[in-house]
Amino acid sequence: QVQLVESGGGLVQAGGSLRLSCAASGRSFSSYVMGWFRQAPGKEREFVARISWSASSTYYADSVKGRFTISRDNAENTVYLQMNSLKPEDTAVYYCGASVVFGTRAYDYDYWGQGTQVTVSS
């Protein structure tokens, strides 16, 4: 079992930045691929970014590439999502997930946090 807790969401103006954190507890954090997803009202949960076990590989959705950066600190059992140049369309609940496979689909992920709201005003 892995427990995940996200933090760092909030209200920001377009063009601003936020840094999300996801703290993990339970089984070995470094054994998991970590991903960030988001879900806007009335929409399905969509992939944002993922990072490999050792942080040697990252992958981003086209919609956030060049603006968002995923990172992890295995010593602190934490994964981060630095979000720059935020747009109103980035408004959503952001979730972190843990997976044993290197996937981009929500069903690839076995554990989820409760989510943190990000609202970007125009």
N, C-alpha and C. Protein backbone atom coordinates (compact mmCIF):
# COMPACT_ATOMS: atom_id res chain seq x y z
N GLN A 1 0.83 -1.20 0.00
CA GLN A 1 0.00 0.00 0.00
C GLN A 1 0.86 1.25 0.00
N VAL A 2 0.41 2.24 -0.74
CA VAL A 2 1.06 3.55 -0.77
C VAL A 2 -0.01 4.59 -0.51
N GLN A 3 0.27 5.49 0.40
CA GLN A 3 -0.63 6.60 0.66
C GLN A 3 -0.02 7.87 0.07
N LEU A 4 -0.84 8.62 -0.64
CA LEU A 4 -0.38 9.83 -1.33
C LEU A 4 -1.19 11.03 -0.87
N VAL A 5 -0.51 12.13 -0.62
CA VAL A 5 -1.18 13.35 -0.19
C VAL A 5 -0.62 14.52 -1.00
N GLU A 6 -1.50 15.14 -1.79
CA GLU A 6 -1.10 16.30 -2.59
C GLU A 6 -1.28 17.59 -1.81
N SER A 7 -0.50 18.58 -2.18
CA SER A 7 -0.63 19.92 -1.61
C SER A 7 -0.08 20.93 -2.60
N GLY A 8 -0.35 22.20 -2.34
CA GLY A 8 0.22 23.26 -3.16
C GLY A 8 -0.72 23.91 -4.16
N GLY A 9 -1.94 23.40 -4.25
CA GLY A 9 -2.89 24.02 -5.16
C GLY A 9 -3.36 25.38 -4.66
N GLY A 10 -4.10 26.06 -5.51
CA GLY A 10 -4.62 27.37 -5.12
C GLY A 10 -5.13 28.15 -6.31
N LEU A 11 -5.35 29.44 -6.07
CA LEU A 11 -5.84 30.36 -7.10
C LEU A 11 -4.67 31.22 -7.58
N VAL A 12 -4.50 31.28 -8.88
CA VAL A 12 -3.41 32.06 -9.46
C VAL A 12 -3.89 32.73 -10.73
N GLN A 13 -3.32 33.86 -11.05
CA GLN A 13 -3.66 34.55 -12.30
C GLN A 13 -2.95 33.89 -13.48
N ALA A 14 -3.54 34.05 -14.63
CA ALA A 14 -2.92 33.53 -15.85
C ALA A 14 -1.50 34.08 -15.99
N GLY A 15 -0.59 33.20 -16.37
CA GLY A 15 0.81 33.58 -16.47
C GLY A 15 1.61 33.31 -15.21
N GLY A 16 0.92 33.00 -14.14
CA GLY A 16 1.58 32.74 -12.87
C GLY A 16 2.08 31.32 -12.74
N SER A 17 2.59 31.01 -11.55
CA SER A 17 3.20 29.70 -11.29
C SER A 17 2.67 29.11 -9.99
N LEU A 18 2.70 27.80 -9.94
CA LEU A 18 2.41 27.04 -8.71
C LEU A 18 3.31 25.83 -8.69
N ARG A 19 3.61 25.35 -7.50
CA ARG A 19 4.36 24.11 -7.34
C ARG A 19 3.53 23.16 -6.50
N LEU A 20 3.17 22.05 -7.09
CA LEU A 20 2.42 21.02 -6.39
C LEU A 20 3.40 20.00 -5.80
N SER A 21 3.03 19.47 -4.65
CA SER A 21 3.81 18.41 -4.01
C SER A 21 2.91 17.22 -3.75
N CYS A 22 3.51 16.06 -3.76
CA CYS A 22 2.79 14.83 -3.44
C CYS A 22 3.69 14.01 -2.53
N ALA A 23 3.29 13.90 -1.27
CA ALA A 23 4.06 13.16 -0.28
C ALA A 23 3.54 11.73 -0.19
N ALA A 24 4.46 10.79 -0.21
CA ALA A 24 4.09 9.38 -0.18
C ALA A 24 4.52 8.72 1.12
N SER A 25 3.74 7.77 1.56
CA SER A 25 4.11 6.96 2.72
C SER A 25 3.69 5.53 2.43
N GLY A 26 4.26 4.59 3.16
CA GLY A 26 3.94 3.20 2.93
C GLY A 26 5.10 2.47 2.28
N ARG A 27 4.79 1.65 1.30
CA ARG A 27 5.81 0.84 0.64
C ARG A 27 6.80 1.69 -0.12
N SER A 28 7.92 1.12 -0.49
CA SER A 28 9.06 1.84 -1.06
C SER A 28 8.66 2.76 -2.20
N PHE A 29 8.83 4.05 -1.96
CA PHE A 29 8.45 5.07 -2.94
C PHE A 29 9.24 4.91 -4.22
N SER A 30 10.51 4.59 -4.12
CA SER A 30 11.36 4.51 -5.30
C SER A 30 11.03 3.33 -6.20
N SER A 31 10.12 2.48 -5.77
CA SER A 31 9.70 1.34 -6.59
C SER A 31 8.63 1.72 -7.60
N TYR A 32 8.10 2.92 -7.50
CA TYR A 32 6.97 3.34 -8.29
C TYR A 32 7.29 4.43 -9.30
N VAL A 33 6.72 4.27 -10.48
CA VAL A 33 6.61 5.40 -11.41
C VAL A 33 5.56 6.33 -10.82
N MET A 34 5.85 7.62 -10.87
CA MET A 34 4.90 8.60 -10.34
C MET A 34 4.36 9.46 -11.47
N GLY A 35 3.08 9.75 -11.39
CA GLY A 35 2.45 10.55 -12.42
C GLY A 35 1.56 11.62 -11.84
N TRP A 36 1.36 12.65 -12.62
CA TRP A 36 0.37 13.68 -12.30
C TRP A 36 -0.73 13.64 -13.37
N PHE A 37 -1.95 13.71 -12.91
CA PHE A 37 -3.12 13.78 -13.76
C PHE A 37 -3.96 14.96 -13.31
N ARG A 38 -4.91 15.34 -14.13
CA ARG A 38 -5.84 16.39 -13.74
C ARG A 38 -7.23 16.08 -14.28
N GLN A 39 -8.22 16.63 -13.59
CA GLN A 39 -9.60 16.41 -13.97
C GLN A 39 -10.39 17.69 -13.79
N ALA A 40 -10.90 18.20 -14.90
CA ALA A 40 -11.76 19.37 -14.88
C ALA A 40 -13.21 18.93 -14.77
N PRO A 41 -14.09 19.81 -14.29
CA PRO A 41 -15.50 19.43 -14.14
C PRO A 41 -16.09 18.93 -15.45
N GLY A 42 -16.74 17.78 -15.38
CA GLY A 42 -17.41 17.22 -16.54
C GLY A 42 -16.49 16.53 -17.52
N LYS A 43 -15.21 16.44 -17.18
CA LYS A 43 -14.25 15.81 -18.08
C LYS A 43 -13.59 14.61 -17.42
N GLU A 44 -12.99 13.78 -18.26
CA GLU A 44 -12.28 12.61 -17.74
C GLU A 44 -10.92 13.04 -17.17
N ARG A 45 -10.40 12.19 -16.31
CA ARG A 45 -9.07 12.42 -15.77
C ARG A 45 -8.05 12.28 -16.90
N GLU A 46 -7.18 13.28 -17.04
CA GLU A 46 -6.22 13.26 -18.13
C GLU A 46 -4.79 13.31 -17.62
N PHE A 47 -3.93 12.66 -18.38
CA PHE A 47 -2.52 12.58 -18.06
C PHE A 47 -1.86 13.95 -18.21
N VAL A 48 -0.96 14.25 -17.27
CA VAL A 48 -0.19 15.50 -17.34
C VAL A 48 1.30 15.20 -17.51
N ALA A 49 1.85 14.37 -16.60
CA ALA A 49 3.30 14.10 -16.64
C ALA A 49 3.59 12.84 -15.84
N ARG A 50 4.70 12.19 -16.15
CA ARG A 50 5.13 11.04 -15.36
C ARG A 50 6.65 11.09 -15.23
N ILE A 51 7.15 10.39 -14.22
CA ILE A 51 8.59 10.34 -13.99
C ILE A 51 8.97 8.94 -13.58
N SER A 52 10.10 8.48 -14.07
CA SER A 52 10.52 7.10 -13.82
C SER A 52 11.01 6.93 -12.39
N TRP A 53 11.27 5.68 -12.06
CA TRP A 53 11.65 5.32 -10.70
C TRP A 53 12.86 6.12 -10.21
N SER A 54 13.86 6.27 -11.09
CA SER A 54 15.10 6.94 -10.68
C SER A 54 15.16 8.39 -11.12
N ALA A 55 14.06 8.88 -11.69
CA ALA A 55 13.98 10.25 -12.21
C ALA A 55 14.81 10.46 -13.46
N SER A 56 15.26 9.39 -14.09
CA SER A 56 16.08 9.52 -15.28
C SER A 56 15.25 9.81 -16.53
N SER A 57 13.95 9.57 -16.45
CA SER A 57 13.09 9.76 -17.62
C SER A 57 11.81 10.45 -17.22
N THR A 58 11.40 11.43 -18.02
CA THR A 58 10.14 12.12 -17.81
C THR A 58 9.38 12.18 -19.13
N TYR A 59 8.08 12.37 -19.00
CA TYR A 59 7.24 12.46 -20.20
C TYR A 59 6.07 13.36 -19.88
N TYR A 60 5.69 14.20 -20.86
CA TYR A 60 4.65 15.20 -20.63
C TYR A 60 3.56 15.14 -21.70
N ALA A 61 2.37 15.53 -21.30
CA ALA A 61 1.32 15.76 -22.28
C ALA A 61 1.70 16.97 -23.13
N ASP A 62 1.30 16.97 -24.37
CA ASP A 62 1.63 18.08 -25.27
C ASP A 62 1.12 19.42 -24.73
N SER A 63 -0.01 19.37 -24.04
CA SER A 63 -0.64 20.60 -23.56
C SER A 63 0.18 21.31 -22.48
N VAL A 64 1.10 20.59 -21.84
CA VAL A 64 1.88 21.21 -20.75
C VAL A 64 3.37 21.24 -21.03
N LYS A 65 3.78 20.61 -22.13
CA LYS A 65 5.20 20.52 -22.45
C LYS A 65 5.82 21.91 -22.56
N GLY A 66 6.95 22.10 -21.90
CA GLY A 66 7.63 23.39 -21.92
C GLY A 66 7.16 24.33 -20.84
N ARG A 67 6.06 24.01 -20.16
CA ARG A 67 5.54 24.86 -19.09
C ARG A 67 5.61 24.18 -17.73
N PHE A 68 5.41 22.88 -17.71
CA PHE A 68 5.39 22.11 -16.46
C PHE A 68 6.65 21.24 -16.37
N THR A 69 7.10 21.03 -15.13
CA THR A 69 8.25 20.16 -14.89
C THR A 69 7.94 19.23 -13.73
N ILE A 70 8.09 17.94 -13.97
CA ILE A 70 7.91 16.95 -12.92
C ILE A 70 9.28 16.56 -12.37
N SER A 71 9.35 16.37 -11.07
CA SER A 71 10.58 15.93 -10.43
C SER A 71 10.23 15.10 -9.21
N ARG A 72 11.24 14.40 -8.67
CA ARG A 72 10.99 13.60 -7.48
C ARG A 72 12.23 13.60 -6.60
N ASP A 73 11.99 13.43 -5.32
CA ASP A 73 13.06 13.30 -4.34
C ASP A 73 12.79 12.00 -3.59
N ASN A 74 13.51 10.96 -3.95
CA ASN A 74 13.25 9.65 -3.34
C ASN A 74 13.65 9.61 -1.86
N ALA A 75 14.58 10.46 -1.48
CA ALA A 75 14.97 10.52 -0.07
C ALA A 75 13.86 11.12 0.79
N GLU A 76 13.07 12.01 0.16
CA GLU A 76 11.96 12.66 0.87
C GLU A 76 10.61 12.05 0.53
N ASN A 77 10.61 11.01 -0.31
CA ASN A 77 9.35 10.35 -0.71
C ASN A 77 8.34 11.35 -1.27
N THR A 78 8.81 12.24 -2.12
CA THR A 78 7.95 13.31 -2.62
C THR A 78 8.16 13.49 -4.13
N VAL A 79 7.06 13.74 -4.81
CA VAL A 79 7.11 14.10 -6.23
C VAL A 79 6.51 15.49 -6.37
N TYR A 80 7.06 16.25 -7.30
CA TYR A 80 6.67 17.64 -7.48
C TYR A 80 6.18 17.89 -8.91
N LEU A 81 5.37 18.92 -9.04
CA LEU A 81 4.99 19.40 -10.36
C LEU A 81 5.10 20.92 -10.34
N GLN A 82 6.13 21.43 -10.98
CA GLN A 82 6.30 22.87 -11.12
C GLN A 82 5.52 23.33 -12.34
N MET A 83 4.60 24.24 -12.14
CA MET A 83 3.72 24.71 -13.21
C MET A 83 3.96 26.19 -13.45
N ASN A 84 4.45 26.50 -14.63
CA ASN A 84 4.72 27.89 -15.01
C ASN A 84 3.81 28.30 -16.16
N SER A 85 3.73 29.60 -16.39
CA SER A 85 2.92 30.14 -17.50
C SER A 85 1.53 29.52 -17.51
N LEU A 86 0.90 29.51 -16.38
CA LEU A 86 -0.41 28.86 -16.24
C LEU A 86 -1.47 29.56 -17.08
N LYS A 87 -2.39 28.75 -17.58
CA LYS A 87 -3.48 29.23 -18.43
C LYS A 87 -4.81 28.87 -17.77
N PRO A 88 -5.87 29.60 -18.08
CA PRO A 88 -7.19 29.24 -17.52
C PRO A 88 -7.58 27.78 -17.81
N GLU A 89 -7.17 27.26 -18.93
CA GLU A 89 -7.51 25.88 -19.27
C GLU A 89 -6.74 24.85 -18.44
N ASP A 90 -5.80 25.30 -17.62
CA ASP A 90 -5.12 24.40 -16.69
C ASP A 90 -5.94 24.19 -15.41
N THR A 91 -7.03 24.92 -15.27
CA THR A 91 -7.88 24.80 -14.09
C THR A 91 -8.45 23.38 -13.99
N ALA A 92 -8.20 22.74 -12.85
CA ALA A 92 -8.63 21.36 -12.63
C ALA A 92 -8.24 20.94 -11.23
N VAL A 93 -8.74 19.77 -10.83
CA VAL A 93 -8.20 19.09 -9.66
C VAL A 93 -7.02 18.25 -10.13
N TYR A 94 -5.89 18.42 -9.48
CA TYR A 94 -4.67 17.70 -9.85
C TYR A 94 -4.44 16.55 -8.88
N TYR A 95 -4.18 15.38 -9.46
CA TYR A 95 -3.97 14.16 -8.67
C TYR A 95 -2.58 13.59 -8.96
N CYS A 96 -1.93 13.07 -7.94
CA CYS A 96 -0.74 12.27 -8.19
C CYS A 96 -1.11 10.80 -8.06
N GLY A 97 -0.40 9.99 -8.81
CA GLY A 97 -0.64 8.56 -8.81
C GLY A 97 0.67 7.80 -8.80
N ALA A 98 0.61 6.56 -8.32
CA ALA A 98 1.77 5.67 -8.26
C ALA A 98 1.47 4.42 -9.07
N SER A 99 2.44 4.02 -9.87
CA SER A 99 2.25 2.89 -10.77
C SER A 99 3.49 2.01 -10.79
N VAL A 100 3.28 0.72 -11.08
CA VAL A 100 4.41 -0.19 -11.25
C VAL A 100 4.78 -0.32 -12.72
N VAL A 101 4.01 0.34 -13.59
CA VAL A 101 4.33 0.33 -15.01
C VAL A 101 4.54 1.76 -15.48
N PHE A 102 5.20 1.89 -16.61
CA PHE A 102 5.55 3.21 -17.13
C PHE A 102 4.45 3.66 -18.08
N GLY A 103 3.29 4.03 -17.48
CA GLY A 103 2.11 4.31 -18.30
C GLY A 103 1.66 5.74 -18.25
N THR A 104 0.74 6.06 -19.17
CA THR A 104 0.15 7.40 -19.23
C THR A 104 -1.36 7.36 -19.08
N ARG A 105 -1.91 6.19 -18.82
CA ARG A 105 -3.36 6.07 -18.69
C ARG A 105 -3.72 5.94 -17.22
N ALA A 106 -4.86 6.50 -16.85
CA ALA A 106 -5.25 6.49 -15.44
C ALA A 106 -5.31 5.07 -14.89
N TYR A 107 -5.77 4.13 -15.69
CA TYR A 107 -5.89 2.77 -15.17
C TYR A 107 -4.55 2.06 -15.00
N ASP A 108 -3.46 2.68 -15.47
CA ASP A 108 -2.12 2.15 -15.20
C ASP A 108 -1.70 2.38 -13.75
N TYR A 109 -2.38 3.29 -13.07
CA TYR A 109 -1.95 3.73 -11.75
C TYR A 109 -2.77 3.04 -10.67
N ASP A 110 -2.07 2.55 -9.65
CA ASP A 110 -2.69 1.73 -8.62
C ASP A 110 -3.12 2.53 -7.40
N TYR A 111 -2.44 3.62 -7.13
CA TYR A 111 -2.71 4.41 -5.94
C TYR A 111 -2.86 5.88 -6.34
N TRP A 112 -3.77 6.56 -5.64
CA TRP A 112 -4.07 7.96 -5.93
C TRP A 112 -4.17 8.76 -4.65
N GLY A 113 -3.81 10.04 -4.77
CA GLY A 113 -4.07 10.96 -3.69
C GLY A 113 -5.48 11.50 -3.79
N GLN A 114 -5.82 12.41 -2.89
CA GLN A 114 -7.17 12.96 -2.83
C GLN A 114 -7.37 14.14 -3.77
N GLY A 115 -6.28 14.66 -4.31
CA GLY A 115 -6.35 15.76 -5.25
C GLY A 115 -6.19 17.12 -4.61
N THR A 116 -5.73 18.08 -5.41
CA THR A 116 -5.61 19.46 -4.97
C THR A 116 -6.11 20.37 -6.09
N GLN A 117 -6.91 21.35 -5.73
CA GLN A 117 -7.56 22.21 -6.72
C GLN A 117 -6.59 23.29 -7.20
N VAL A 118 -6.51 23.43 -8.51
CA VAL A 118 -5.76 24.53 -9.14
C VAL A 118 -6.75 25.34 -9.96
N THR A 119 -6.83 26.62 -9.68
CA THR A 119 -7.71 27.51 -10.41
C THR A 119 -6.90 28.66 -10.99
N VAL A 120 -6.99 28.83 -12.30
CA VAL A 120 -6.24 29.89 -12.98
C VAL A 120 -7.25 30.90 -13.53
N SER A 121 -7.15 32.12 -13.06
CA SER A 121 -8.08 33.16 -13.49
C SER A 121 -7.51 33.92 -14.68
N SER A 122 -8.41 34.40 -15.53
CA SER A 122 -7.96 35.12 -16.74
C SER A 122 -7.84 36.60 -16.48
